[in-house]
Protein backbone atom coordinates (compact mmCIF):
# COMPACT_ATOMS: atom_id res chain seq x y z
CA MET A 1 -23.43 -75.62 89.92
CA SER A 2 -23.84 -79.38 90.23
CA ILE A 3 -22.32 -81.82 87.79
CA LYS A 4 -24.75 -84.04 85.91
CA TYR A 5 -23.62 -87.60 85.39
CA LYS A 6 -24.84 -90.11 82.82
CA LEU A 7 -24.86 -93.89 83.04
CA GLU A 8 -22.20 -93.95 80.31
CA ASP A 9 -19.79 -92.17 82.70
CA PHE A 10 -19.52 -95.36 84.77
CA ASN A 11 -18.54 -99.00 84.34
CA THR A 12 -21.34 -101.36 83.41
CA ASP A 13 -21.57 -104.97 82.40
CA MET A 14 -24.95 -104.36 80.76
CA THR A 15 -24.79 -104.60 76.98
CA ALA A 16 -27.24 -103.06 74.55
CA GLU A 17 -28.25 -106.55 73.39
CA TRP A 18 -29.09 -107.86 76.87
CA SER A 19 -32.71 -108.76 77.53
CA SER A 20 -34.44 -111.54 79.36
CA ILE A 21 -37.78 -112.99 80.33
CA GLU A 22 -37.72 -113.66 84.06
CA ASP A 23 -39.95 -115.00 86.80
CA GLY A 24 -41.15 -111.86 88.53
CA GLY A 25 -42.81 -113.65 91.43
CA ASP A 26 -46.45 -112.98 90.55
CA ALA A 27 -45.92 -113.20 86.80
CA ARG A 28 -43.28 -113.42 84.09
CA LYS A 29 -41.68 -110.19 82.97
CA ILE A 30 -39.50 -108.97 80.15
CA GLU A 31 -36.41 -107.01 81.09
CA ILE A 32 -34.57 -104.88 78.52
CA SER A 33 -31.23 -103.16 78.96
CA ILE A 34 -31.57 -99.39 79.20
CA PHE A 35 -28.73 -99.27 76.64
CA ASN A 36 -30.81 -101.09 74.01
CA PRO A 37 -31.39 -98.77 71.03
CA LEU A 38 -35.11 -99.72 71.10
CA VAL A 39 -35.49 -97.99 74.49
CA PRO A 40 -36.66 -94.39 73.95
CA ARG A 41 -34.19 -91.70 74.99
CA TYR A 42 -36.78 -90.34 77.43
CA TYR A 43 -36.29 -93.43 79.65
CA ARG A 44 -32.50 -93.18 79.43
CA ASN A 45 -32.85 -89.58 80.63
CA ARG A 46 -35.05 -90.74 83.53
CA MET A 47 -32.38 -93.30 84.42
CA ASP A 48 -29.75 -90.54 84.41
CA ASP A 49 -32.03 -88.56 86.76
CA LEU A 50 -32.21 -91.59 89.10
CA LEU A 51 -28.41 -91.81 89.02
CA ASN A 52 -27.97 -88.15 89.89
CA GLY A 53 -30.64 -88.34 92.60
CA PHE A 54 -28.85 -91.33 94.11
CA ILE A 55 -25.50 -89.50 94.08
CA SER A 56 -27.07 -86.46 95.75
CA GLU A 57 -29.10 -88.45 98.30
CA HIS A 58 -26.09 -90.55 99.37
CA CYS A 59 -23.74 -87.52 99.41
CA ILE A 60 -21.22 -89.27 97.16
CA GLU A 61 -18.44 -86.71 96.81
CA ASN A 62 -16.38 -88.45 94.13
CA PRO A 63 -18.86 -90.55 92.10
CA ILE A 64 -16.41 -91.59 89.36
CA ASN A 65 -14.12 -93.21 91.96
CA ASP A 66 -16.72 -94.26 94.56
CA ILE A 67 -19.24 -95.93 92.25
CA ASP A 68 -17.99 -99.32 91.11
CA SER A 69 -20.60 -99.88 88.39
CA VAL A 70 -24.17 -99.17 87.29
CA SER A 71 -26.82 -100.77 85.12
CA GLY A 72 -30.45 -100.30 84.32
CA ILE A 73 -33.42 -102.02 82.76
CA VAL A 74 -36.95 -101.30 81.66
CA SER A 75 -39.42 -104.03 82.59
CA ALA A 76 -42.96 -105.07 81.79
CA PHE A 77 -44.89 -107.88 83.45
CA ILE A 78 -46.41 -110.24 80.87
CA ASP A 79 -49.68 -110.98 82.66
CA ASN A 80 -53.09 -109.32 82.95
CA ASP A 81 -53.36 -110.06 86.68
CA VAL A 82 -50.61 -107.58 87.67
CA GLU A 83 -51.89 -104.27 89.01
CA LEU A 84 -51.43 -101.53 86.43
CA ASP A 85 -49.41 -99.30 88.76
CA LYS A 86 -46.90 -102.18 89.29
CA LYS A 87 -46.81 -103.58 85.77
CA TYR A 88 -44.20 -101.34 84.06
CA PHE A 89 -41.08 -99.84 85.58
CA LEU A 90 -37.46 -98.77 85.35
CA SER A 91 -34.90 -100.38 87.62
CA PHE A 92 -31.59 -98.68 88.34
CA PHE A 93 -28.80 -100.72 89.93
CA VAL A 94 -25.69 -99.19 91.45
CA TRP A 95 -22.73 -100.76 93.23
CA VAL A 96 -20.85 -98.40 95.54
CA LYS A 97 -17.45 -98.90 97.16
CA GLU A 98 -18.06 -98.47 100.89
CA ARG A 99 -15.64 -99.25 103.72
CA GLY A 100 -13.62 -101.61 101.53
CA GLU A 101 -16.66 -103.52 100.29
CA ILE A 102 -19.11 -103.18 97.42
CA GLU A 103 -22.67 -102.34 98.49
CA SER A 104 -25.52 -102.80 96.01
CA TYR A 105 -28.61 -100.63 95.68
CA THR A 106 -31.72 -100.97 93.53
CA ILE A 107 -34.12 -98.15 92.74
CA ASP A 108 -37.40 -98.81 90.92
CA ASP A 109 -39.39 -96.09 89.18
CA GLN A 110 -42.92 -96.62 87.82
CA ILE A 111 -43.88 -96.28 84.20
CA LEU A 112 -47.61 -95.62 83.89
CA PRO A 113 -49.80 -96.02 80.80
CA THR A 114 -50.93 -92.42 81.37
CA ASP A 115 -47.37 -91.10 80.91
CA ASP A 116 -46.86 -88.97 77.80
CA HIS A 117 -44.06 -91.26 76.56
CA PHE A 118 -45.78 -94.59 77.24
CA ALA A 119 -46.42 -95.32 73.54
CA GLY A 120 -42.65 -95.36 72.94
CA PHE A 121 -42.17 -97.74 75.86
CA GLN A 122 -44.90 -100.02 74.51
CA GLU A 123 -43.32 -100.03 71.03
CA CYS A 124 -39.95 -100.88 72.56
CA VAL A 125 -41.32 -103.85 74.55
CA MET A 126 -43.31 -105.21 71.61
CA ALA A 127 -40.36 -104.86 69.21
CA LYS A 128 -38.04 -106.61 71.65
CA LEU A 129 -40.52 -109.46 72.17
CA GLU A 130 -40.81 -109.85 68.41
CA ASN A 131 -37.01 -109.86 68.06
CA MET A 132 -36.70 -112.50 70.80
CA ILE A 133 -39.34 -114.76 69.30
CA PHE A 134 -38.54 -114.51 65.59
């Protein structure tokens, strides 16, 4: 039986209040902490799945000691010219202690408008934009 880990099991510097509008290269994007209460639980669960997949894929035997910290965001590009299959996504960040150094990894996971839970994602992004502006 494998142990299931959650992001909360690890150190993170990501606060629930953290969000930002960034230059995403092709367009601006909003980034929202996965810990923000506006983010639907479904996406937190997907982030936990990414964490556990990472642990399994990298054969990390003692994750609590070997993983230095984790964080995660949901993102949406704020531009109509971004291809729909690249416009919305989760990003999982993990820093692992390896050979006396900290190695960083980033895993992105698409969010598609055809997903069953997309309406919750859309509400989250719009509410956060409103909170940032007003």
